[in-house]
Structures are given as structure tokens and as C-alpha cells.
Amino acid sequence: MISHLNGILEHIDKNYIVIDVGNVGYHVNVTSSTLSRLPKIGEAAKLFTYQVVREDNISLYGFLSKEERKLFSLLLTVSGVGPKASMAILSAFPIDKLAAAIAQGNADLITSVPGIGKKTAQKLVIELKEKVAKAYALTPSEMTLGIPGDEAVVSDAISALISLGYSPGEARETIMKSGVDLATSNVESIVKQALKSLV
């Protein structure tokens, strides 16, 4: 397994680059966000890589951060989501926005990616939301995105549920399904109603 490549950027194309390491040119598939942040041809570059081995092909996928590579590897664990779809998803959003969307179960955002259907997006967020929330250590405030009401109050309510043993994803989902008026309720009311909804 090739973990990273550190060499000279030799060629840049639409969705891949060639990086020269010790006079060997490696063809590396990259996201559009990686392309936009690469140095110029002839300059040094380092990519964290993920190697996909198939019967008829060995492919390298490169990322500028270990976090992005980690998310790519998580996406590949979802049945029906291959390297091409994973790269398309990573190309569509900044990694923090994508991680937060998955952790929140926001399948609608994922379906906005060309080639990703509603069924696949829903499966993806169901399978990965807890893993992503844990892997990226999303804060309670990051978990409030998309929830109506006072962000600080909802964030504190999520923190309270987490302290009671719930995962960030479970805390968010419980509050969303509790039926409490988030616009007018305080932290205590939100937590009480959320816990009642679990009984």
C-alpha cells in the first residue's frame, strides 16, 4: 500500500496529476478541490494516497490532507459507492461541510452531487453518520447546522445529551424528533422533551 507520495508535480489534467518520485511518474486521481490547491508544475508536492486494487486495474487517489483521505476511505465502505462517486462527492463540498452533513444525516445535500441518487445518499448517511461524527470529532455547534432555533441553546442541549451517553448523531436526531419548539425553548426544556420522546 502506497501511503503518500512526495515528489515533483509533472503534469496536471482535468481529474488527475502525474507526480515524479525518484524518476517514476505516478498517475494519481484527485478531486477538483485538490487540483485548485496544488503548486505549479515543476514544484514539490506531497499527496496522501489511497490505493484501490482491482483484477484489471490498480489506481491511486491523492489528497492534500489525511482527513480527506479518511473520508474517502469511509465513503468506499458504503455498498454502491465506488471511487468515482466518492471523488465526485469530495469534489462537491469542503470536507468540514460534507462531514457535518453526513453526521447530521443530511441526505439532501449529498443528492445534489451529479450521479448520486436519493437512495444511495440516504444509505450513505445512515451507515456513516456515527462513524463520521466520531472520526472528525464534530462539536455540538457543528451538529446544529440545519436545525431551527437559537444555535447556542440547541448546541448546549446537544452537549447535555452527549454527557448523558448519547452520540452526537443520536443527540441531534432525538432533538429533531422530539417535537419541542426550538425557537422558544430553553436548554432544560429541550433536553426534557428529548428524553421524554425516547420513553
N, C-alpha and C. Protein backbone atom coordinates (compact mmCIF):
# COMPACT_ATOMS: atom_id res chain seq x y z
N MET A 1 0.84 -1.20 0.00
CA MET A 1 0.00 0.00 0.00
C MET A 1 0.88 1.25 0.00
N ILE A 2 0.62 2.14 -0.95
CA ILE A 2 1.36 3.40 -1.01
C ILE A 2 0.61 4.43 -0.16
N SER A 3 1.24 4.90 0.90
CA SER A 3 0.58 5.80 1.86
C SER A 3 0.67 7.27 1.46
N HIS A 4 1.79 7.66 0.88
CA HIS A 4 1.92 9.04 0.41
C HIS A 4 2.99 9.13 -0.67
N LEU A 5 2.93 10.20 -1.43
CA LEU A 5 3.92 10.48 -2.47
C LEU A 5 4.47 11.87 -2.25
N ASN A 6 5.78 11.99 -2.29
CA ASN A 6 6.44 13.28 -2.10
C ASN A 6 7.41 13.47 -3.26
N GLY A 7 7.05 14.34 -4.21
CA GLY A 7 7.90 14.49 -5.40
C GLY A 7 7.64 15.77 -6.15
N ILE A 8 7.92 15.75 -7.44
CA ILE A 8 7.77 16.94 -8.28
C ILE A 8 6.53 16.79 -9.16
N LEU A 9 5.71 17.82 -9.15
CA LEU A 9 4.49 17.82 -9.96
C LEU A 9 4.88 17.95 -11.44
N GLU A 10 4.54 16.93 -12.21
CA GLU A 10 4.99 16.86 -13.60
C GLU A 10 3.89 17.20 -14.60
N HIS A 11 2.65 16.87 -14.26
CA HIS A 11 1.54 17.09 -15.19
C HIS A 11 0.24 17.28 -14.41
N ILE A 12 -0.60 18.18 -14.89
CA ILE A 12 -1.92 18.40 -14.29
C ILE A 12 -2.98 18.27 -15.37
N ASP A 13 -3.98 17.43 -15.12
CA ASP A 13 -5.08 17.26 -16.06
C ASP A 13 -6.40 17.56 -15.36
N LYS A 14 -7.51 17.24 -16.03
CA LYS A 14 -8.83 17.57 -15.51
C LYS A 14 -9.13 16.93 -14.16
N ASN A 15 -8.80 15.66 -14.02
CA ASN A 15 -9.10 14.97 -12.76
C ASN A 15 -7.96 14.08 -12.27
N TYR A 16 -6.78 14.31 -12.79
CA TYR A 16 -5.62 13.56 -12.30
C TYR A 16 -4.35 14.38 -12.48
N ILE A 17 -3.31 13.94 -11.80
CA ILE A 17 -2.00 14.56 -11.95
C ILE A 17 -0.96 13.46 -12.13
N VAL A 18 0.23 13.86 -12.56
CA VAL A 18 1.37 12.95 -12.58
C VAL A 18 2.43 13.57 -11.69
N ILE A 19 2.87 12.80 -10.69
CA ILE A 19 3.90 13.29 -9.77
C ILE A 19 5.13 12.39 -9.90
N ASP A 20 6.29 13.02 -10.09
CA ASP A 20 7.54 12.29 -10.28
C ASP A 20 8.22 12.07 -8.93
N VAL A 21 8.38 10.80 -8.58
CA VAL A 21 9.08 10.43 -7.35
C VAL A 21 10.21 9.48 -7.71
N GLY A 22 11.44 9.95 -7.61
CA GLY A 22 12.59 9.11 -7.94
C GLY A 22 12.61 8.67 -9.38
N ASN A 23 12.26 9.59 -10.29
CA ASN A 23 12.22 9.31 -11.73
C ASN A 23 11.15 8.31 -12.14
N VAL A 24 10.17 8.11 -11.28
CA VAL A 24 9.00 7.30 -11.62
C VAL A 24 7.77 8.21 -11.57
N GLY A 25 7.02 8.25 -12.66
CA GLY A 25 5.83 9.10 -12.71
C GLY A 25 4.60 8.34 -12.25
N TYR A 26 3.96 8.84 -11.20
CA TYR A 26 2.76 8.21 -10.67
C TYR A 26 1.52 8.96 -11.14
N HIS A 27 0.58 8.22 -11.74
CA HIS A 27 -0.71 8.77 -12.16
C HIS A 27 -1.63 8.73 -10.94
N VAL A 28 -2.05 9.91 -10.48
CA VAL A 28 -2.85 9.99 -9.25
C VAL A 28 -4.16 10.73 -9.53
N ASN A 29 -5.28 10.08 -9.25
CA ASN A 29 -6.59 10.71 -9.39
C ASN A 29 -6.80 11.67 -8.22
N VAL A 30 -7.32 12.86 -8.52
CA VAL A 30 -7.51 13.87 -7.47
C VAL A 30 -8.87 14.54 -7.61
N THR A 31 -9.32 15.16 -6.53
CA THR A 31 -10.58 15.91 -6.55
C THR A 31 -10.34 17.30 -7.12
N SER A 32 -11.42 17.97 -7.48
CA SER A 32 -11.29 19.32 -8.02
C SER A 32 -10.74 20.28 -6.97
N SER A 33 -11.08 20.04 -5.70
CA SER A 33 -10.57 20.92 -4.64
C SER A 33 -9.07 20.74 -4.47
N THR A 34 -8.58 19.52 -4.63
CA THR A 34 -7.14 19.27 -4.57
C THR A 34 -6.44 19.94 -5.74
N LEU A 35 -7.02 19.81 -6.93
CA LEU A 35 -6.45 20.44 -8.13
C LEU A 35 -6.26 21.94 -7.93
N SER A 36 -7.26 22.57 -7.32
CA SER A 36 -7.22 24.03 -7.17
C SER A 36 -6.18 24.49 -6.15
N ARG A 37 -5.68 23.57 -5.31
CA ARG A 37 -4.73 23.96 -4.26
C ARG A 37 -3.32 23.42 -4.49
N LEU A 38 -3.10 22.80 -5.64
CA LEU A 38 -1.78 22.24 -5.94
C LEU A 38 -0.78 23.33 -6.31
N PRO A 39 0.50 23.09 -6.09
CA PRO A 39 1.52 24.04 -6.55
C PRO A 39 1.63 23.98 -8.07
N LYS A 40 2.53 24.77 -8.63
CA LYS A 40 2.70 24.80 -10.08
C LYS A 40 3.51 23.59 -10.55
N ILE A 41 3.36 23.27 -11.84
CA ILE A 41 4.15 22.20 -12.43
C ILE A 41 5.64 22.51 -12.26
N GLY A 42 6.40 21.49 -11.86
CA GLY A 42 7.83 21.66 -11.61
C GLY A 42 8.16 21.92 -10.16
N GLU A 43 7.12 22.14 -9.34
CA GLU A 43 7.34 22.38 -7.92
C GLU A 43 7.08 21.11 -7.10
N ALA A 44 7.58 21.12 -5.88
CA ALA A 44 7.41 19.96 -4.99
C ALA A 44 5.97 19.85 -4.51
N ALA A 45 5.50 18.63 -4.40
CA ALA A 45 4.14 18.39 -3.92
C ALA A 45 4.10 17.11 -3.09
N LYS A 46 3.23 17.09 -2.10
CA LYS A 46 3.04 15.88 -1.29
C LYS A 46 1.56 15.53 -1.27
N LEU A 47 1.26 14.28 -1.54
CA LEU A 47 -0.12 13.81 -1.52
C LEU A 47 -0.23 12.57 -0.63
N PHE A 48 -1.28 12.55 0.18
CA PHE A 48 -1.61 11.35 0.94
C PHE A 48 -2.47 10.49 0.02
N THR A 49 -2.09 9.25 -0.16
CA THR A 49 -2.72 8.44 -1.19
C THR A 49 -3.51 7.25 -0.65
N TYR A 50 -4.44 6.82 -1.47
CA TYR A 50 -5.23 5.62 -1.19
C TYR A 50 -5.18 4.75 -2.44
N GLN A 51 -4.78 3.52 -2.28
CA GLN A 51 -4.61 2.62 -3.42
C GLN A 51 -5.79 1.67 -3.54
N VAL A 52 -6.39 1.65 -4.72
CA VAL A 52 -7.52 0.74 -4.99
C VAL A 52 -7.05 -0.33 -5.97
N VAL A 53 -7.10 -1.58 -5.53
CA VAL A 53 -6.63 -2.69 -6.36
C VAL A 53 -7.82 -3.52 -6.84
N ARG A 54 -7.92 -3.65 -8.15
CA ARG A 54 -8.94 -4.50 -8.74
C ARG A 54 -8.28 -5.49 -9.68
N GLU A 55 -9.05 -6.45 -10.16
CA GLU A 55 -8.49 -7.50 -11.01
C GLU A 55 -7.75 -6.94 -12.22
N ASP A 56 -8.35 -5.92 -12.83
CA ASP A 56 -7.79 -5.40 -14.08
C ASP A 56 -7.14 -4.03 -13.95
N ASN A 57 -7.04 -3.53 -12.72
CA ASN A 57 -6.56 -2.16 -12.58
C ASN A 57 -6.06 -1.87 -11.16
N ILE A 58 -5.01 -1.08 -11.07
CA ILE A 58 -4.54 -0.55 -9.78
C ILE A 58 -4.55 0.97 -9.91
N SER A 59 -5.31 1.63 -9.05
CA SER A 59 -5.45 3.09 -9.14
C SER A 59 -5.00 3.76 -7.85
N LEU A 60 -4.44 4.95 -8.00
CA LEU A 60 -4.05 5.76 -6.85
C LEU A 60 -4.94 7.00 -6.78
N TYR A 61 -5.39 7.32 -5.58
CA TYR A 61 -6.20 8.52 -5.34
C TYR A 61 -5.44 9.37 -4.33
N GLY A 62 -5.27 10.65 -4.65
CA GLY A 62 -4.44 11.50 -3.82
C GLY A 62 -5.18 12.66 -3.18
N PHE A 63 -4.76 13.01 -1.96
CA PHE A 63 -5.41 14.07 -1.19
C PHE A 63 -4.36 14.90 -0.48
N LEU A 64 -4.68 16.15 -0.24
CA LEU A 64 -3.73 17.05 0.42
C LEU A 64 -3.75 16.90 1.94
N SER A 65 -4.76 16.21 2.47
CA SER A 65 -4.82 16.01 3.93
C SER A 65 -5.22 14.58 4.26
N LYS A 66 -4.78 14.13 5.42
CA LYS A 66 -5.15 12.79 5.88
C LYS A 66 -6.65 12.71 6.17
N GLU A 67 -7.23 13.85 6.57
CA GLU A 67 -8.66 13.88 6.89
C GLU A 67 -9.50 13.60 5.65
N GLU A 68 -9.10 14.20 4.52
CA GLU A 68 -9.84 13.99 3.28
C GLU A 68 -9.69 12.53 2.82
N ARG A 69 -8.49 11.99 2.96
CA ARG A 69 -8.27 10.58 2.61
C ARG A 69 -9.11 9.66 3.49
N LYS A 70 -9.21 9.99 4.77
CA LYS A 70 -10.00 9.19 5.69
C LYS A 70 -11.47 9.17 5.27
N LEU A 71 -11.99 10.33 4.89
CA LEU A 71 -13.39 10.42 4.48
C LEU A 71 -13.61 9.62 3.18
N PHE A 72 -12.64 9.68 2.28
CA PHE A 72 -12.70 8.90 1.05
C PHE A 72 -12.80 7.41 1.38
N SER A 73 -11.97 6.94 2.30
CA SER A 73 -11.98 5.52 2.66
C SER A 73 -13.30 5.12 3.33
N LEU A 74 -13.90 6.04 4.10
CA LEU A 74 -15.19 5.77 4.72
C LEU A 74 -16.29 5.67 3.67
N LEU A 75 -16.25 6.57 2.70
CA LEU A 75 -17.25 6.54 1.62
C LEU A 75 -17.21 5.22 0.87
N LEU A 76 -16.01 4.68 0.69
CA LEU A 76 -15.86 3.42 -0.04
C LEU A 76 -16.46 2.22 0.69
N THR A 77 -16.70 2.36 1.99
CA THR A 77 -17.27 1.24 2.75
C THR A 77 -18.76 1.08 2.49
N VAL A 78 -19.38 2.08 1.87
CA VAL A 78 -20.81 2.03 1.58
C VAL A 78 -21.03 1.27 0.28
N SER A 79 -21.85 0.24 0.33
CA SER A 79 -22.14 -0.56 -0.86
C SER A 79 -22.77 0.31 -1.95
N GLY A 80 -22.23 0.23 -3.15
CA GLY A 80 -22.76 1.02 -4.26
C GLY A 80 -22.05 2.34 -4.45
N VAL A 81 -21.15 2.69 -3.54
CA VAL A 81 -20.37 3.93 -3.66
C VAL A 81 -18.92 3.54 -3.95
N GLY A 82 -18.52 3.72 -5.20
CA GLY A 82 -17.16 3.37 -5.60
C GLY A 82 -16.24 4.57 -5.59
N PRO A 83 -15.02 4.40 -6.05
CA PRO A 83 -14.04 5.50 -6.07
C PRO A 83 -14.51 6.72 -6.86
N LYS A 84 -15.13 6.49 -8.02
CA LYS A 84 -15.58 7.60 -8.85
C LYS A 84 -16.63 8.45 -8.14
N ALA A 85 -17.62 7.78 -7.55
CA ALA A 85 -18.67 8.50 -6.82
C ALA A 85 -18.10 9.21 -5.60
N SER A 86 -17.19 8.55 -4.91
CA SER A 86 -16.57 9.14 -3.71
C SER A 86 -15.80 10.41 -4.07
N MET A 87 -15.08 10.37 -5.18
CA MET A 87 -14.33 11.56 -5.62
C MET A 87 -15.27 12.68 -6.03
N ALA A 88 -16.40 12.33 -6.64
CA ALA A 88 -17.39 13.34 -7.03
C ALA A 88 -17.98 14.02 -5.80
N ILE A 89 -18.26 13.23 -4.77
CA ILE A 89 -18.81 13.78 -3.52
C ILE A 89 -17.79 14.70 -2.85
N LEU A 90 -16.54 14.26 -2.78
CA LEU A 90 -15.49 15.07 -2.16
C LEU A 90 -15.19 16.33 -2.97
N SER A 91 -15.42 16.27 -4.27
CA SER A 91 -15.17 17.44 -5.12
C SER A 91 -16.25 18.50 -4.95
N ALA A 92 -17.43 18.08 -4.48
CA ALA A 92 -18.58 18.98 -4.44
C ALA A 92 -18.61 19.91 -3.23
N PHE A 93 -17.98 19.49 -2.12
CA PHE A 93 -18.09 20.28 -0.89
C PHE A 93 -16.76 20.33 -0.13
N PRO A 94 -16.55 21.39 0.65
CA PRO A 94 -15.40 21.41 1.57
C PRO A 94 -15.57 20.25 2.55
N ILE A 95 -14.47 19.69 3.00
CA ILE A 95 -14.54 18.48 3.83
C ILE A 95 -15.31 18.71 5.13
N ASP A 96 -15.20 19.90 5.75
CA ASP A 96 -15.91 20.14 7.00
C ASP A 96 -17.43 20.17 6.78
N LYS A 97 -17.85 20.78 5.66
CA LYS A 97 -19.28 20.85 5.34
C LYS A 97 -19.83 19.46 5.04
N LEU A 98 -19.07 18.67 4.30
CA LEU A 98 -19.50 17.32 3.95
C LEU A 98 -19.59 16.43 5.19
N ALA A 99 -18.57 16.50 6.04
CA ALA A 99 -18.56 15.69 7.26
C ALA A 99 -19.74 16.06 8.16
N ALA A 100 -20.01 17.36 8.29
CA ALA A 100 -21.13 17.80 9.12
C ALA A 100 -22.45 17.32 8.53
N ALA A 101 -22.59 17.39 7.21
CA ALA A 101 -23.83 16.96 6.55
C ALA A 101 -24.08 15.47 6.77
N ILE A 102 -23.04 14.67 6.65
CA ILE A 102 -23.18 13.23 6.85
C ILE A 102 -23.53 12.93 8.31
N ALA A 103 -22.83 13.58 9.23
CA ALA A 103 -23.07 13.36 10.66
C ALA A 103 -24.48 13.77 11.07
N GLN A 104 -25.02 14.77 10.37
CA GLN A 104 -26.37 15.25 10.66
C GLN A 104 -27.45 14.45 9.94
N GLY A 105 -27.02 13.53 9.06
CA GLY A 105 -27.99 12.75 8.30
C GLY A 105 -28.63 13.54 7.17
N ASN A 106 -27.93 14.55 6.68
CA ASN A 106 -28.46 15.43 5.63
C ASN A 106 -28.26 14.80 4.25
N ALA A 107 -29.15 13.88 3.88
CA ALA A 107 -29.03 13.19 2.59
C ALA A 107 -29.31 14.13 1.42
N ASP A 108 -30.13 15.16 1.65
CA ASP A 108 -30.48 16.08 0.56
C ASP A 108 -29.24 16.76 -0.03
N LEU A 109 -28.29 17.10 0.83
CA LEU A 109 -27.07 17.74 0.34
C LEU A 109 -26.29 16.78 -0.56
N ILE A 110 -26.24 15.52 -0.17
CA ILE A 110 -25.49 14.53 -0.94
C ILE A 110 -26.15 14.29 -2.30
N THR A 111 -27.48 14.34 -2.36
CA THR A 111 -28.17 14.09 -3.63
C THR A 111 -27.94 15.21 -4.64
N SER A 112 -27.42 16.34 -4.19
CA SER A 112 -27.13 17.43 -5.12
C SER A 112 -25.89 17.14 -5.97
N VAL A 113 -25.15 16.09 -5.61
CA VAL A 113 -23.97 15.70 -6.38
C VAL A 113 -24.42 14.92 -7.62
N PRO A 114 -24.01 15.31 -8.81
CA PRO A 114 -24.39 14.59 -10.03
C PRO A 114 -24.03 13.11 -9.95
N GLY A 115 -25.01 12.26 -10.26
CA GLY A 115 -24.77 10.82 -10.25
C GLY A 115 -25.08 10.13 -8.94
N ILE A 116 -25.42 10.91 -7.90
CA ILE A 116 -25.76 10.33 -6.60
C ILE A 116 -27.27 10.43 -6.39
N GLY A 117 -27.94 9.29 -6.40
CA GLY A 117 -29.39 9.27 -6.23
C GLY A 117 -29.81 9.35 -4.77
N LYS A 118 -31.10 9.54 -4.57
CA LYS A 118 -31.64 9.70 -3.21
C LYS A 118 -31.41 8.45 -2.37
N LYS A 119 -31.63 7.28 -2.96
CA LYS A 119 -31.48 6.03 -2.23
C LYS A 119 -30.04 5.83 -1.76
N THR A 120 -29.09 6.13 -2.64
CA THR A 120 -27.68 5.98 -2.29
C THR A 120 -27.29 6.98 -1.21
N ALA A 121 -27.77 8.23 -1.34
CA ALA A 121 -27.45 9.27 -0.36
C ALA A 121 -27.98 8.91 1.02
N GLN A 122 -29.21 8.40 1.07
CA GLN A 122 -29.80 8.01 2.35
C GLN A 122 -29.03 6.85 2.99
N LYS A 123 -28.65 5.90 2.17
CA LYS A 123 -27.88 4.76 2.66
C LYS A 123 -26.54 5.22 3.21
N LEU A 124 -25.93 6.16 2.50
CA LEU A 124 -24.62 6.69 2.88
C LEU A 124 -24.67 7.35 4.26
N VAL A 125 -25.65 8.24 4.45
CA VAL A 125 -25.70 8.95 5.74
C VAL A 125 -26.09 8.02 6.89
N ILE A 126 -26.95 7.04 6.61
CA ILE A 126 -27.35 6.10 7.66
C ILE A 126 -26.15 5.28 8.13
N GLU A 127 -25.35 4.82 7.17
CA GLU A 127 -24.21 3.96 7.51
C GLU A 127 -23.02 4.72 8.09
N LEU A 128 -22.90 6.00 7.72
CA LEU A 128 -21.67 6.72 8.08
C LEU A 128 -21.83 7.82 9.13
N LYS A 129 -23.04 8.21 9.48
CA LYS A 129 -23.18 9.41 10.31
C LYS A 129 -22.47 9.29 11.67
N GLU A 130 -22.59 8.12 12.31
CA GLU A 130 -21.93 7.97 13.61
C GLU A 130 -20.41 7.87 13.44
N LYS A 131 -19.98 7.15 12.41
CA LYS A 131 -18.54 7.00 12.15
C LYS A 131 -17.89 8.34 11.86
N VAL A 132 -18.58 9.16 11.05
CA VAL A 132 -18.03 10.47 10.68
C VAL A 132 -18.01 11.41 11.87
N ALA A 133 -19.09 11.43 12.64
CA ALA A 133 -19.15 12.30 13.82
C ALA A 133 -18.01 11.97 14.79
N LYS A 134 -17.72 10.68 14.93
CA LYS A 134 -16.65 10.24 15.83
C LYS A 134 -15.27 10.52 15.23
N ALA A 135 -15.10 10.20 13.96
CA ALA A 135 -13.79 10.35 13.31
C ALA A 135 -13.35 11.80 13.22
N TYR A 136 -14.32 12.71 13.03
CA TYR A 136 -13.96 14.11 12.85
C TYR A 136 -14.24 14.95 14.08
N ALA A 137 -14.63 14.29 15.17
CA ALA A 137 -14.83 14.97 16.45
C ALA A 137 -15.62 16.26 16.27
N LEU A 138 -16.77 16.16 15.59
CA LEU A 138 -17.59 17.34 15.36
C LEU A 138 -18.11 17.89 16.68
N THR A 139 -18.07 19.19 16.81
CA THR A 139 -18.52 19.84 18.03
C THR A 139 -20.04 19.94 18.03
N PRO A 140 -20.65 20.11 19.21
CA PRO A 140 -22.09 20.28 19.26
C PRO A 140 -22.58 21.43 18.38
N SER A 141 -21.81 22.52 18.31
CA SER A 141 -22.24 23.65 17.48
C SER A 141 -22.25 23.28 16.00
N GLU A 142 -21.31 22.42 15.58
CA GLU A 142 -21.30 21.97 14.18
C GLU A 142 -22.48 21.05 13.91
N MET A 143 -22.96 20.37 14.93
CA MET A 143 -24.09 19.47 14.77
C MET A 143 -25.42 20.22 14.71
N THR A 144 -25.43 21.53 14.99
CA THR A 144 -26.68 22.28 14.98
C THR A 144 -27.03 22.81 13.60
N LEU A 145 -26.13 22.70 12.63
CA LEU A 145 -26.40 23.22 11.30
C LEU A 145 -27.67 22.59 10.74
N GLY A 146 -28.59 23.44 10.27
CA GLY A 146 -29.82 22.93 9.68
C GLY A 146 -30.95 22.76 10.69
N ILE A 147 -30.68 22.98 11.98
CA ILE A 147 -31.73 22.89 13.00
C ILE A 147 -32.24 24.31 13.28
N PRO A 148 -33.56 24.51 13.21
CA PRO A 148 -34.09 25.84 13.51
C PRO A 148 -33.93 26.18 14.98
N GLY A 149 -33.98 27.47 15.30
CA GLY A 149 -33.89 27.88 16.70
C GLY A 149 -32.56 28.53 17.03
N ASP A 150 -32.39 28.87 18.32
CA ASP A 150 -31.18 29.52 18.80
C ASP A 150 -30.03 28.52 18.77
N GLU A 151 -29.01 28.81 17.97
CA GLU A 151 -27.90 27.88 17.78
C GLU A 151 -27.20 27.55 19.09
N ALA A 152 -26.98 28.56 19.94
CA ALA A 152 -26.28 28.34 21.21
C ALA A 152 -27.09 27.44 22.14
N VAL A 153 -28.41 27.65 22.17
CA VAL A 153 -29.29 26.85 23.04
C VAL A 153 -29.31 25.40 22.56
N VAL A 154 -29.48 25.21 21.25
CA VAL A 154 -29.53 23.85 20.70
C VAL A 154 -28.19 23.15 20.89
N SER A 155 -27.09 23.90 20.72
CA SER A 155 -25.76 23.34 20.92
C SER A 155 -25.58 22.85 22.35
N ASP A 156 -26.04 23.66 23.32
CA ASP A 156 -25.94 23.27 24.73
C ASP A 156 -26.81 22.04 25.03
N ALA A 157 -27.97 21.97 24.38
CA ALA A 157 -28.85 20.81 24.57
C ALA A 157 -28.20 19.54 24.02
N ILE A 158 -27.56 19.66 22.87
CA ILE A 158 -26.84 18.52 22.29
C ILE A 158 -25.71 18.09 23.23
N SER A 159 -24.98 19.08 23.77
CA SER A 159 -23.89 18.78 24.71
C SER A 159 -24.42 18.04 25.94
N ALA A 160 -25.59 18.46 26.43
CA ALA A 160 -26.18 17.83 27.61
C ALA A 160 -26.52 16.36 27.33
N LEU A 161 -27.08 16.10 26.16
CA LEU A 161 -27.42 14.72 25.80
C LEU A 161 -26.17 13.87 25.59
N ILE A 162 -25.13 14.48 25.03
CA ILE A 162 -23.86 13.77 24.85
C ILE A 162 -23.29 13.37 26.21
N SER A 163 -23.41 14.28 27.19
CA SER A 163 -22.89 14.00 28.54
C SER A 163 -23.67 12.87 29.22
N LEU A 164 -24.89 12.61 28.72
CA LEU A 164 -25.71 11.53 29.26
C LEU A 164 -25.44 10.20 28.55
N GLY A 165 -24.50 10.24 27.60
CA GLY A 165 -24.10 8.99 26.95
C GLY A 165 -24.54 8.82 25.51
N TYR A 166 -25.25 9.82 24.99
CA TYR A 166 -25.69 9.73 23.59
C TYR A 166 -24.58 10.19 22.66
N SER A 167 -24.54 9.62 21.46
CA SER A 167 -23.56 10.07 20.47
C SER A 167 -24.04 11.40 19.90
N PRO A 168 -23.15 12.19 19.28
CA PRO A 168 -23.58 13.46 18.67
C PRO A 168 -24.74 13.28 17.69
N GLY A 169 -24.67 12.24 16.87
CA GLY A 169 -25.72 11.99 15.89
C GLY A 169 -27.04 11.64 16.56
N GLU A 170 -26.99 10.80 17.59
CA GLU A 170 -28.21 10.41 18.32
C GLU A 170 -28.82 11.62 19.02
N ALA A 171 -27.97 12.46 19.62
CA ALA A 171 -28.45 13.65 20.32
C ALA A 171 -29.18 14.58 19.36
N ARG A 172 -28.58 14.81 18.21
CA ARG A 172 -29.19 15.69 17.21
C ARG A 172 -30.52 15.13 16.73
N GLU A 173 -30.54 13.85 16.40
CA GLU A 173 -31.75 13.22 15.87
C GLU A 173 -32.86 13.22 16.91
N THR A 174 -32.52 12.97 18.16
CA THR A 174 -33.51 12.95 19.23
C THR A 174 -34.16 14.31 19.39
N ILE A 175 -33.36 15.36 19.36
CA ILE A 175 -33.90 16.72 19.48
C ILE A 175 -34.79 17.06 18.29
N MET A 176 -34.35 16.67 17.10
CA MET A 176 -35.13 16.96 15.90
C MET A 176 -36.50 16.27 15.93
N LYS A 177 -36.55 15.07 16.52
CA LYS A 177 -37.79 14.29 16.52
C LYS A 177 -38.64 14.51 17.77
N SER A 178 -38.15 15.32 18.70
CA SER A 178 -38.84 15.48 19.99
C SER A 178 -40.13 16.28 19.89
N GLY A 179 -40.25 17.12 18.86
CA GLY A 179 -41.44 17.95 18.71
C GLY A 179 -41.40 19.24 19.51
N VAL A 180 -40.32 19.48 20.25
CA VAL A 180 -40.21 20.69 21.06
C VAL A 180 -40.01 21.91 20.16
N ASP A 181 -40.56 23.05 20.59
CA ASP A 181 -40.40 24.30 19.84
C ASP A 181 -39.00 24.86 20.13
N LEU A 182 -38.09 24.65 19.21
CA LEU A 182 -36.70 25.04 19.42
C LEU A 182 -36.50 26.55 19.40
N ALA A 183 -37.44 27.26 18.81
CA ALA A 183 -37.29 28.71 18.70
C ALA A 183 -37.55 29.41 20.03
N THR A 184 -38.36 28.78 20.90
CA THR A 184 -38.74 29.46 22.14
C THR A 184 -38.30 28.71 23.41
N SER A 185 -37.83 27.50 23.28
CA SER A 185 -37.50 26.69 24.46
C SER A 185 -36.07 26.94 24.94
N ASN A 186 -35.88 26.71 26.26
CA ASN A 186 -34.52 26.80 26.81
C ASN A 186 -33.88 25.41 26.80
N VAL A 187 -32.63 25.35 27.23
CA VAL A 187 -31.88 24.09 27.18
C VAL A 187 -32.57 22.99 27.97
N GLU A 188 -33.00 23.33 29.20
CA GLU A 188 -33.62 22.33 30.07
C GLU A 188 -34.88 21.74 29.45
N SER A 189 -35.70 22.61 28.86
CA SER A 189 -36.95 22.15 28.23
C SER A 189 -36.68 21.24 27.05
N ILE A 190 -35.68 21.61 26.25
CA ILE A 190 -35.34 20.80 25.07
C ILE A 190 -34.86 19.42 25.49
N VAL A 191 -33.98 19.38 26.49
CA VAL A 191 -33.43 18.10 26.95
C VAL A 191 -34.53 17.23 27.55
N LYS A 192 -35.41 17.82 28.38
CA LYS A 192 -36.50 17.06 29.00
C LYS A 192 -37.41 16.45 27.94
N GLN A 193 -37.78 17.28 26.95
CA GLN A 193 -38.68 16.81 25.90
C GLN A 193 -38.01 15.73 25.04
N ALA A 194 -36.73 15.92 24.80
CA ALA A 194 -35.98 14.94 24.00
C ALA A 194 -35.94 13.59 24.72
N LEU A 195 -35.69 13.62 26.03
CA LEU A 195 -35.64 12.37 26.81
C LEU A 195 -37.02 11.71 26.91
N LYS A 196 -38.07 12.54 27.00
CA LYS A 196 -39.43 12.00 27.04
C LYS A 196 -39.76 11.26 25.75
N SER A 197 -39.26 11.80 24.64
CA SER A 197 -39.58 11.20 23.34
C SER A 197 -38.94 9.83 23.17
N LEU A 198 -37.97 9.53 24.03
CA LEU A 198 -37.28 8.24 23.95
C LEU A 198 -37.96 7.16 24.77
N VAL A 199 -38.85 7.59 25.66
CA VAL A 199 -39.53 6.64 26.56
C VAL A 199 -40.64 5.90 25.82
